[in-house]
Amino acid sequence: MTGKTEARLREIRSRTKQYRKKYENRLLTCLAMCNLILFAGIGVLFRSVQGPGTVAVADAYGTVLLRDGAGVYVVIGIVAFVAGVALTVICIRLKKKNL
């Protein structure tokens, strides 16, 4: 190979690295925003579930859940689990792609 070809190859590799880094940063930013939205949604759900008497019975919290409102806690748990699994799968795929 000539010196000109080697210089071109270096430039191509450099640009490829820049584009990959930009893509990964954009993806990580998107994931961070999704996490913030998810946490905000969970916070809003918790605020709507908590009643004025819930704080007074903190010791018997399990009985409060059994009385009413347990469905929302189950949904929040399922959503949090699915979000955690999705985030883990995405991170594993990104790591495998980089290797």
PDB file of N, CA and C in Angstrom:
ATOM      1  N   MET A   1       0.826  -1.183   0.000  1.00  0.00           N
ATOM      2  CA  MET A   1       0.000   0.000   0.000  1.00  0.00           C
ATOM      3  C   MET A   1       0.873   1.251   0.000  1.00  0.00           C
ATOM      4  N   THR A   2       0.339   2.230  -0.615  1.00  0.00           N
ATOM      5  CA  THR A   2       1.076   3.487  -0.670  1.00  0.00           C
ATOM      6  C   THR A   2       0.740   4.334   0.558  1.00  0.00           C
ATOM      7  N   GLY A   3       1.493   5.380   0.723  1.00  0.00           N
ATOM      8  CA  GLY A   3       1.274   6.276   1.859  1.00  0.00           C
ATOM      9  C   GLY A   3      -0.086   6.954   1.791  1.00  0.00           C
ATOM     10  N   LYS A   4      -0.533   7.217   0.573  1.00  0.00           N
ATOM     11  CA  LYS A   4      -1.830   7.875   0.386  1.00  0.00           C
ATOM     12  C   LYS A   4      -2.973   6.952   0.823  1.00  0.00           C
ATOM     13  N   THR A   5      -2.869   5.685   0.482  1.00  0.00           N
ATOM     14  CA  THR A   5      -3.897   4.707   0.848  1.00  0.00           C
ATOM     15  C   THR A   5      -3.944   4.527   2.362  1.00  0.00           C
ATOM     16  N   GLU A   6      -2.788   4.461   2.991  1.00  0.00           N
ATOM     17  CA  GLU A   6      -2.746   4.308   4.448  1.00  0.00           C
ATOM     18  C   GLU A   6      -3.372   5.511   5.148  1.00  0.00           C
ATOM     19  N   ALA A   7      -3.110   6.694   4.618  1.00  0.00           N
ATOM     20  CA  ALA A   7      -3.699   7.904   5.198  1.00  0.00           C
ATOM     21  C   ALA A   7      -5.223   7.877   5.066  1.00  0.00           C
ATOM     22  N   ARG A   8      -5.697   7.423   3.918  1.00  0.00           N
ATOM     23  CA  ARG A   8      -7.153   7.321   3.715  1.00  0.00           C
ATOM     24  C   ARG A   8      -7.783   6.307   4.669  1.00  0.00           C
ATOM     25  N   LEU A   9      -7.101   5.174   4.842  1.00  0.00           N
ATOM     26  CA  LEU A   9      -7.620   4.161   5.761  1.00  0.00           C
ATOM     27  C   LEU A   9      -7.678   4.689   7.195  1.00  0.00           C
ATOM     28  N   ARG A  10      -6.653   5.409   7.599  1.00  0.00           N
ATOM     29  CA  ARG A  10      -6.650   6.002   8.939  1.00  0.00           C
ATOM     30  C   ARG A  10      -7.808   6.985   9.102  1.00  0.00           C
ATOM     31  N   GLU A  11      -8.039   7.784   8.073  1.00  0.00           N
ATOM     32  CA  GLU A  11      -9.146   8.755   8.117  1.00  0.00           C
ATOM     33  C   GLU A  11     -10.495   8.042   8.189  1.00  0.00           C
ATOM     34  N   ILE A  12     -10.654   6.967   7.433  1.00  0.00           N
ATOM     35  CA  ILE A  12     -11.903   6.195   7.465  1.00  0.00           C
ATOM     36  C   ILE A  12     -12.115   5.593   8.847  1.00  0.00           C
ATOM     37  N   ARG A  13     -11.075   5.013   9.425  1.00  0.00           N
ATOM     38  CA  ARG A  13     -11.191   4.429  10.767  1.00  0.00           C
ATOM     39  C   ARG A  13     -11.495   5.502  11.810  1.00  0.00           C
ATOM     40  N   SER A  14     -10.875   6.641  11.666  1.00  0.00           N
ATOM     41  CA  SER A  14     -11.113   7.738  12.605  1.00  0.00           C
ATOM     42  C   SER A  14     -12.567   8.216  12.543  1.00  0.00           C
ATOM     43  N   ARG A  15     -13.081   8.398  11.346  1.00  0.00           N
ATOM     44  CA  ARG A  15     -14.472   8.836  11.192  1.00  0.00           C
ATOM     45  C   ARG A  15     -15.455   7.772  11.671  1.00  0.00           C
ATOM     46  N   THR A  16     -15.132   6.519  11.390  1.00  0.00           N
ATOM     47  CA  THR A  16     -15.992   5.432  11.858  1.00  0.00           C
ATOM     48  C   THR A  16     -16.064   5.428  13.375  1.00  0.00           C
ATOM     49  N   LYS A  17     -14.935   5.626  14.017  1.00  0.00           N
ATOM     50  CA  LYS A  17     -14.899   5.673  15.484  1.00  0.00           C
ATOM     51  C   LYS A  17     -15.724   6.855  16.001  1.00  0.00           C
ATOM     52  N   GLN A  18     -15.626   8.004  15.330  1.00  0.00           N
ATOM     53  CA  GLN A  18     -16.402   9.177  15.737  1.00  0.00           C
ATOM     54  C   GLN A  18     -17.901   8.922  15.596  1.00  0.00           C
ATOM     55  N   TYR A  19     -18.310   8.327  14.478  1.00  0.00           N
ATOM     56  CA  TYR A  19     -19.732   8.055  14.254  1.00  0.00           C
ATOM     57  C   TYR A  19     -20.273   7.051  15.273  1.00  0.00           C
ATOM     58  N   ARG A  20     -19.491   6.027  15.580  1.00  0.00           N
ATOM     59  CA  ARG A  20     -19.929   5.045  16.576  1.00  0.00           C
ATOM     60  C   ARG A  20     -20.076   5.682  17.950  1.00  0.00           C
ATOM     61  N   LYS A  21     -19.122   6.526  18.301  1.00  0.00           N
ATOM     62  CA  LYS A  21     -19.171   7.188  19.599  1.00  0.00           C
ATOM     63  C   LYS A  21     -20.395   8.110  19.681  1.00  0.00           C
ATOM     64  N   LYS A  22     -20.668   8.835  18.602  1.00  0.00           N
ATOM     65  CA  LYS A  22     -21.828   9.713  18.575  1.00  0.00           C
ATOM     66  C   LYS A  22     -23.121   8.905  18.706  1.00  0.00           C
ATOM     67  N   TYR A  23     -23.196   7.771  18.012  1.00  0.00           N
ATOM     68  CA  TYR A  23     -24.379   6.908  18.086  1.00  0.00           C
ATOM     69  C   TYR A  23     -24.566   6.362  19.500  1.00  0.00           C
ATOM     70  N   GLU A  24     -23.483   5.899  20.117  1.00  0.00           N
ATOM     71  CA  GLU A  24     -23.573   5.362  21.475  1.00  0.00           C
ATOM     72  C   GLU A  24     -23.980   6.435  22.474  1.00  0.00           C
ATOM     73  N   ASN A  25     -23.444   7.643  22.326  1.00  0.00           N
ATOM     74  CA  ASN A  25     -23.839   8.736  23.212  1.00  0.00           C
ATOM     75  C   ASN A  25     -25.314   9.074  23.050  1.00  0.00           C
ATOM     76  N   ARG A  26     -25.793   9.085  21.821  1.00  0.00           N
ATOM     77  CA  ARG A  26     -27.208   9.358  21.569  1.00  0.00           C
ATOM     78  C   ARG A  26     -28.082   8.267  22.182  1.00  0.00           C
ATOM     79  N   LEU A  27     -27.658   7.026  22.059  1.00  0.00           N
ATOM     80  CA  LEU A  27     -28.412   5.910  22.620  1.00  0.00           C
ATOM     81  C   LEU A  27     -28.435   5.971  24.148  1.00  0.00           C
ATOM     82  N   LEU A  28     -27.293   6.263  24.751  1.00  0.00           N
ATOM     83  CA  LEU A  28     -27.240   6.369  26.205  1.00  0.00           C
ATOM     84  C   LEU A  28     -28.077   7.538  26.710  1.00  0.00           C
ATOM     85  N   THR A  29     -28.089   8.637  25.986  1.00  0.00           N
ATOM     86  CA  THR A  29     -28.930   9.773  26.367  1.00  0.00           C
ATOM     87  C   THR A  29     -30.397   9.398  26.291  1.00  0.00           C
ATOM     88  N   CYS A  30     -30.765   8.689  25.248  1.00  0.00           N
ATOM     89  CA  CYS A  30     -32.156   8.245  25.106  1.00  0.00           C
ATOM     90  C   CYS A  30     -32.547   7.311  26.245  1.00  0.00           C
ATOM     91  N   LEU A  31     -31.667   6.392  26.604  1.00  0.00           N
ATOM     92  CA  LEU A  31     -31.943   5.485  27.721  1.00  0.00           C
ATOM     93  C   LEU A  31     -32.065   6.237  29.036  1.00  0.00           C
ATOM     94  N   ALA A  32     -31.225   7.224  29.237  1.00  0.00           N
ATOM     95  CA  ALA A  32     -31.300   8.018  30.467  1.00  0.00           C
ATOM     96  C   ALA A  32     -32.618   8.778  30.537  1.00  0.00           C
ATOM     97  N   MET A  33     -33.052   9.337  29.420  1.00  0.00           N
ATOM     98  CA  MET A  33     -34.332  10.057  29.407  1.00  0.00           C
ATOM     99  C   MET A  33     -35.499   9.107  29.659  1.00  0.00           C
ATOM    100  N   CYS A  34     -35.434   7.912  29.090  1.00  0.00           N
ATOM    101  CA  CYS A  34     -36.491   6.922  29.350  1.00  0.00           C
ATOM    102  C   CYS A  34     -36.541   6.549  30.826  1.00  0.00           C
ATOM    103  N   ASN A  35     -35.367   6.412  31.444  1.00  0.00           N
ATOM    104  CA  ASN A  35     -35.328   6.110  32.875  1.00  0.00           C
ATOM    105  C   ASN A  35     -35.937   7.240  33.692  1.00  0.00           C
ATOM    106  N   LEU A  36     -35.615   8.485  33.352  1.00  0.00           N
ATOM    107  CA  LEU A  36     -36.185   9.620  34.078  1.00  0.00           C
ATOM    108  C   LEU A  36     -37.705   9.662  33.951  1.00  0.00           C
ATOM    109  N   ILE A  37     -38.194   9.403  32.750  1.00  0.00           N
ATOM    110  CA  ILE A  37     -39.645   9.391  32.539  1.00  0.00           C
ATOM    111  C   ILE A  37     -40.282   8.256  33.330  1.00  0.00           C
ATOM    112  N   LEU A  38     -39.631   7.100  33.344  1.00  0.00           N
ATOM    113  CA  LEU A  38     -40.150   5.963  34.104  1.00  0.00           C
ATOM    114  C   LEU A  38     -40.194   6.276  35.593  1.00  0.00           C
ATOM    115  N   PHE A  39     -39.125   6.851  36.129  1.00  0.00           N
ATOM    116  CA  PHE A  39     -39.102   7.191  37.553  1.00  0.00           C
ATOM    117  C   PHE A  39     -40.143   8.250  37.883  1.00  0.00           C
ATOM    118  N   ALA A  40     -40.317   9.214  37.000  1.00  0.00           N
ATOM    119  CA  ALA A  40     -41.336  10.236  37.239  1.00  0.00           C
ATOM    120  C   ALA A  40     -42.730   9.609  37.237  1.00  0.00           C
ATOM    121  N   GLY A  41     -42.971   8.694  36.320  1.00  0.00           N
ATOM    122  CA  GLY A  41     -44.265   8.010  36.271  1.00  0.00           C
ATOM    123  C   GLY A  41     -44.524   7.181  37.512  1.00  0.00           C
ATOM    124  N   ILE A  42     -43.495   6.487  37.976  1.00  0.00           N
ATOM    125  CA  ILE A  42     -43.649   5.697  39.202  1.00  0.00           C
ATOM    126  C   ILE A  42     -43.913   6.618  40.382  1.00  0.00           C
ATOM    127  N   GLY A  43     -43.235   7.767  40.435  1.00  0.00           N
ATOM    128  CA  GLY A  43     -43.474   8.730  41.505  1.00  0.00           C
ATOM    129  C   GLY A  43     -44.902   9.250  41.500  1.00  0.00           C
ATOM    130  N   VAL A  44     -45.426   9.533  40.311  1.00  0.00           N
ATOM    131  CA  VAL A  44     -46.812  10.002  40.202  1.00  0.00           C
ATOM    132  C   VAL A  44     -47.773   8.903  40.652  1.00  0.00           C
ATOM    133  N   LEU A  45     -47.501   7.662  40.271  1.00  0.00           N
ATOM    134  CA  LEU A  45     -48.361   6.562  40.701  1.00  0.00           C
ATOM    135  C   LEU A  45     -48.332   6.391  42.214  1.00  0.00           C
ATOM    136  N   PHE A  46     -47.161   6.493  42.809  1.00  0.00           N
ATOM    137  CA  PHE A  46     -47.067   6.362  44.267  1.00  0.00           C
ATOM    138  C   PHE A  46     -47.803   7.499  44.966  1.00  0.00           C
ATOM    139  N   ARG A  47     -47.702   8.689  44.411  1.00  0.00           N
ATOM    140  CA  ARG A  47     -48.381   9.830  45.026  1.00  0.00           C
ATOM    141  C   ARG A  47     -49.900   9.645  44.983  1.00  0.00           C
ATOM    142  N   SER A  48     -50.412   9.073  43.895  1.00  0.00           N
ATOM    143  CA  SER A  48     -51.861   8.883  43.799  1.00  0.00           C
ATOM    144  C   SER A  48     -52.343   7.725  44.663  1.00  0.00           C
ATOM    145  N   VAL A  49     -51.477   6.771  44.973  1.00  0.00           N
ATOM    146  CA  VAL A  49     -51.865   5.624  45.791  1.00  0.00           C
ATOM    147  C   VAL A  49     -51.853   5.974  47.271  1.00  0.00           C
ATOM    148  N   GLN A  50     -50.877   6.769  47.670  1.00  0.00           N
ATOM    149  CA  GLN A  50     -50.722   7.061  49.094  1.00  0.00           C
ATOM    150  C   GLN A  50     -51.853   7.967  49.566  1.00  0.00           C
ATOM    151  N   GLY A  51     -52.542   7.508  50.589  1.00  0.00           N
ATOM    152  CA  GLY A  51     -53.619   8.281  51.185  1.00  0.00           C
ATOM    153  C   GLY A  51     -53.148   8.958  52.451  1.00  0.00           C
ATOM    154  N   PRO A  52     -54.015   9.778  53.064  1.00  0.00           N
ATOM    155  CA  PRO A  52     -53.600  10.494  54.265  1.00  0.00           C
ATOM    156  C   PRO A  52     -53.354   9.584  55.457  1.00  0.00           C
ATOM    157  N   GLY A  53     -53.979   8.415  55.513  1.00  0.00           N
ATOM    158  CA  GLY A  53     -53.814   7.540  56.661  1.00  0.00           C
ATOM    159  C   GLY A  53     -52.712   6.517  56.503  1.00  0.00           C
ATOM    160  N   THR A  54     -52.086   6.452  55.349  1.00  0.00           N
ATOM    161  CA  THR A  54     -51.071   5.438  55.093  1.00  0.00           C
ATOM    162  C   THR A  54     -49.829   5.653  55.957  1.00  0.00           C
ATOM    163  N   VAL A  55     -49.456   6.883  56.195  1.00  0.00           N
ATOM    164  CA  VAL A  55     -48.262   7.167  56.988  1.00  0.00           C
ATOM    165  C   VAL A  55     -48.464   6.726  58.438  1.00  0.00           C
ATOM    166  N   ALA A  56     -49.681   6.830  58.938  1.00  0.00           N
ATOM    167  CA  ALA A  56     -49.954   6.499  60.335  1.00  0.00           C
ATOM    168  C   ALA A  56     -49.843   5.007  60.611  1.00  0.00           C
ATOM    169  N   VAL A  57     -49.997   4.174  59.601  1.00  0.00           N
ATOM    170  CA  VAL A  57     -49.972   2.728  59.812  1.00  0.00           C
ATOM    171  C   VAL A  57     -48.753   2.103  59.138  1.00  0.00           C
ATOM    172  N   ALA A  58     -47.610   2.717  59.291  1.00  0.00           N
ATOM    173  CA  ALA A  58     -46.401   2.222  58.628  1.00  0.00           C
ATOM    174  C   ALA A  58     -46.003   0.851  59.144  1.00  0.00           C
ATOM    175  N   ASP A  59     -46.300   0.536  60.414  1.00  0.00           N
ATOM    176  CA  ASP A  59     -45.933  -0.770  60.960  1.00  0.00           C
ATOM    177  C   ASP A  59     -46.762  -1.889  60.352  1.00  0.00           C
ATOM    178  N   ALA A  60     -47.995  -1.632  60.040  1.00  0.00           N
ATOM    179  CA  ALA A  60     -48.887  -2.650  59.494  1.00  0.00           C
ATOM    180  C   ALA A  60     -49.104  -2.418  58.006  1.00  0.00           C
ATOM    181  N   TYR A  61     -48.022  -2.138  57.290  1.00  0.00           N
ATOM    182  CA  TYR A  61     -48.137  -1.773  55.878  1.00  0.00           C
ATOM    183  C   TYR A  61     -48.686  -2.921  55.034  1.00  0.00           C
ATOM    184  N   GLY A  62     -48.344  -4.154  55.384  1.00  0.00           N
ATOM    185  CA  GLY A  62     -48.839  -5.307  54.629  1.00  0.00           C
ATOM    186  C   GLY A  62     -50.351  -5.413  54.677  1.00  0.00           C
ATOM    187  N   THR A  63     -50.946  -5.102  55.821  1.00  0.00           N
ATOM    188  CA  THR A  63     -52.409  -5.170  55.907  1.00  0.00           C
ATOM    189  C   THR A  63     -53.054  -4.061  55.106  1.00  0.00           C
ATOM    190  N   VAL A  64     -52.396  -2.925  54.991  1.00  0.00           N
ATOM    191  CA  VAL A  64     -52.930  -1.845  54.158  1.00  0.00           C
ATOM    192  C   VAL A  64     -52.953  -2.286  52.704  1.00  0.00           C
ATOM    193  N   LEU A  65     -51.903  -2.982  52.279  1.00  0.00           N
ATOM    194  CA  LEU A  65     -51.865  -3.451  50.900  1.00  0.00           C
ATOM    195  C   LEU A  65     -52.943  -4.489  50.636  1.00  0.00           C
ATOM    196  N   LEU A  66     -53.207  -5.319  51.617  1.00  0.00           N
ATOM    197  CA  LEU A  66     -54.219  -6.341  51.414  1.00  0.00           C
ATOM    198  C   LEU A  66     -55.624  -5.757  51.394  1.00  0.00           C
ATOM    199  N   ARG A  67     -55.820  -4.645  52.070  1.00  0.00           N
ATOM    200  CA  ARG A  67     -57.154  -4.060  52.147  1.00  0.00           C
ATOM    201  C   ARG A  67     -57.603  -3.541  50.779  1.00  0.00           C
ATOM    202  N   ASP A  68     -56.856  -2.616  50.193  1.00  0.00           N
ATOM    203  CA  ASP A  68     -57.197  -2.114  48.860  1.00  0.00           C
ATOM    204  C   ASP A  68     -55.983  -1.460  48.239  1.00  0.00           C
ATOM    205  N   GLY A  69     -55.988  -1.341  46.932  1.00  0.00           N
ATOM    206  CA  GLY A  69     -54.894  -0.674  46.245  1.00  0.00           C
ATOM    207  C   GLY A  69     -53.694  -1.544  45.946  1.00  0.00           C
ATOM    208  N   ALA A  70     -53.785  -2.846  46.137  1.00  0.00           N
ATOM    209  CA  ALA A  70     -52.632  -3.707  45.883  1.00  0.00           C
ATOM    210  C   ALA A  70     -52.352  -3.846  44.388  1.00  0.00           C
ATOM    211  N   GLY A  71     -53.378  -3.664  43.564  1.00  0.00           N
ATOM    212  CA  GLY A  71     -53.203  -3.811  42.120  1.00  0.00           C
ATOM    213  C   GLY A  71     -52.195  -2.835  41.546  1.00  0.00           C
ATOM    214  N   VAL A  72     -52.195  -1.612  42.059  1.00  0.00           N
ATOM    215  CA  VAL A  72     -51.268  -0.609  41.554  1.00  0.00           C
ATOM    216  C   VAL A  72     -49.832  -0.984  41.898  1.00  0.00           C
ATOM    217  N   TYR A  73     -49.617  -1.510  43.092  1.00  0.00           N
ATOM    218  CA  TYR A  73     -48.268  -1.921  43.486  1.00  0.00           C
ATOM    219  C   TYR A  73     -47.774  -3.075  42.620  1.00  0.00           C
ATOM    220  N   VAL A  74     -48.661  -3.975  42.281  1.00  0.00           N
ATOM    221  CA  VAL A  74     -48.289  -5.097  41.417  1.00  0.00           C
ATOM    222  C   VAL A  74     -47.900  -4.579  40.031  1.00  0.00           C
ATOM    223  N   VAL A  75     -48.685  -3.646  39.497  1.00  0.00           N
ATOM    224  CA  VAL A  75     -48.387  -3.085  38.175  1.00  0.00           C
ATOM    225  C   VAL A  75     -47.055  -2.348  38.202  1.00  0.00           C
ATOM    226  N   ILE A  76     -46.818  -1.574  39.255  1.00  0.00           N
ATOM    227  CA  ILE A  76     -45.551  -0.847  39.365  1.00  0.00           C
ATOM    228  C   ILE A  76     -44.381  -1.827  39.443  1.00  0.00           C
ATOM    229  N   GLY A  77     -44.545  -2.897  40.192  1.00  0.00           N
ATOM    230  CA  GLY A  77     -43.493  -3.900  40.289  1.00  0.00           C
ATOM    231  C   GLY A  77     -43.196  -4.557  38.955  1.00  0.00           C
ATOM    232  N   ILE A  78     -44.243  -4.892  38.213  1.00  0.00           N
ATOM    233  CA  ILE A  78     -44.067  -5.525  36.909  1.00  0.00           C
ATOM    234  C   ILE A  78     -43.388  -4.569  35.936  1.00  0.00           C
ATOM    235  N   VAL A  79     -43.824  -3.307  35.929  1.00  0.00           N
ATOM    236  CA  VAL A  79     -43.226  -2.317  35.025  1.00  0.00           C
ATOM    237  C   VAL A  79     -41.751  -2.104  35.364  1.00  0.00           C
ATOM    238  N   ALA A  80     -41.432  -2.018  36.648  1.00  0.00           N
ATOM    239  CA  ALA A  80     -40.037  -1.829  37.052  1.00  0.00           C
ATOM    240  C   ALA A  80     -39.187  -3.034  36.650  1.00  0.00           C
ATOM    241  N   PHE A  81     -39.730  -4.230  36.806  1.00  0.00           N
ATOM    242  CA  PHE A  81     -38.995  -5.436  36.423  1.00  0.00           C
ATOM    243  C   PHE A  81     -38.742  -5.470  34.919  1.00  0.00           C
ATOM    244  N   VAL A  82     -39.766  -5.179  34.132  1.00  0.00           N
ATOM    245  CA  VAL A  82     -39.624  -5.198  32.670  1.00  0.00           C
ATOM    246  C   VAL A  82     -38.622  -4.132  32.224  1.00  0.00           C
ATOM    247  N   ALA A  83     -38.682  -2.957  32.840  1.00  0.00           N
ATOM    248  CA  ALA A  83     -37.730  -1.899  32.479  1.00  0.00           C
ATOM    249  C   ALA A  83     -36.298  -2.318  32.824  1.00  0.00           C
ATOM    250  N   GLY A  84     -36.117  -2.961  33.961  1.00  0.00           N
ATOM    251  CA  GLY A  84     -34.791  -3.434  34.341  1.00  0.00           C
ATOM    252  C   GLY A  84     -34.258  -4.494  33.393  1.00  0.00           C
ATOM    253  N   VAL A  85     -35.124  -5.410  33.002  1.00  0.00           N
ATOM    254  CA  VAL A  85     -34.715  -6.462  32.065  1.00  0.00           C
ATOM    255  C   VAL A  85     -34.362  -5.860  30.710  1.00  0.00           C
ATOM    256  N   ALA A  86     -35.191  -4.922  30.236  1.00  0.00           N
ATOM    257  CA  ALA A  86     -34.915  -4.293  28.941  1.00  0.00           C
ATOM    258  C   ALA A  86     -33.593  -3.532  28.965  1.00  0.00           C
ATOM    259  N   LEU A  87     -33.353  -2.784  30.019  1.00  0.00           N
ATOM    260  CA  LEU A  87     -32.113  -2.039  30.127  1.00  0.00           C
ATOM    261  C   LEU A  87     -30.906  -2.979  30.190  1.00  0.00           C
ATOM    262  N   THR A  88     -31.040  -4.079  30.912  1.00  0.00           N
ATOM    263  CA  THR A  88     -29.951  -5.049  31.006  1.00  0.00           C
ATOM    264  C   THR A  88     -29.657  -5.678  29.645  1.00  0.00           C
ATOM    265  N   VAL A  89     -30.691  -6.039  28.917  1.00  0.00           N
ATOM    266  CA  VAL A  89     -30.505  -6.649  27.592  1.00  0.00           C
ATOM    267  C   VAL A  89     -29.831  -5.663  26.641  1.00  0.00           C
ATOM    268  N   ILE A  90     -30.258  -4.405  26.682  1.00  0.00           N
ATOM    269  CA  ILE A  90     -29.656  -3.398  25.805  1.00  0.00           C
ATOM    270  C   ILE A  90     -28.182  -3.208  26.138  1.00  0.00           C
ATOM    271  N   CYS A  91     -27.866  -3.139  27.422  1.00  0.00           N
ATOM    272  CA  CYS A  91     -26.460  -2.967  27.824  1.00  0.00           C
ATOM    273  C   CYS A  91     -25.606  -4.160  27.421  1.00  0.00           C
ATOM    274  N   ILE A  92     -26.137  -5.363  27.563  1.00  0.00           N
ATOM    275  CA  ILE A  92     -25.386  -6.556  27.172  1.00  0.00           C
ATOM    276  C   ILE A  92     -25.138  -6.566  25.672  1.00  0.00           C
ATOM    277  N   ARG A  93     -26.143  -6.191  24.889  1.00  0.00           N
ATOM    278  CA  ARG A  93     -25.962  -6.154  23.430  1.00  0.00           C
ATOM    279  C   ARG A  93     -24.932  -5.103  23.021  1.00  0.00           C
ATOM    280  N   LEU A  94     -24.978  -3.945  23.670  1.00  0.00           N
ATOM    281  CA  LEU A  94     -23.983  -2.918  23.368  1.00  0.00           C
ATOM    282  C   LEU A  94     -22.577  -3.382  23.701  1.00  0.00           C
ATOM    283  N   LYS A  95     -22.439  -4.085  24.831  1.00  0.00           N
ATOM    284  CA  LYS A  95     -21.116  -4.560  25.226  1.00  0.00           C
ATOM    285  C   LYS A  95     -20.604  -5.619  24.248  1.00  0.00           C
ATOM    286  N   LYS A  96     -21.487  -6.524  23.814  1.00  0.00           N
ATOM    287  CA  LYS A  96     -21.079  -7.558  22.859  1.00  0.00           C
ATOM    288  C   LYS A  96     -20.705  -6.937  21.509  1.00  0.00           C
ATOM    289  N   LYS A  97     -21.412  -5.878  21.143  1.00  0.00           N
ATOM    290  CA  LYS A  97     -21.133  -5.222  19.863  1.00  0.00           C
ATOM    291  C   LYS A  97     -19.756  -4.559  19.886  1.00  0.00           C
ATOM    292  N   ASN A  98     -19.356  -4.054  21.057  1.00  0.00           N
ATOM    293  CA  ASN A  98     -18.060  -3.390  21.167  1.00  0.00           C
ATOM    294  C   ASN A  98     -16.895  -4.360  21.210  1.00  0.00           C
ATOM    295  N   LEU A  99     -17.133  -5.602  21.564  1.00  0.00           N
ATOM    296  CA  LEU A  99     -16.030  -6.568  21.659  1.00  0.00           C
ATOM    297  C   LEU A  99     -15.572  -7.050  20.336  1.00  0.00           C
TER     298      LEU A  99
END
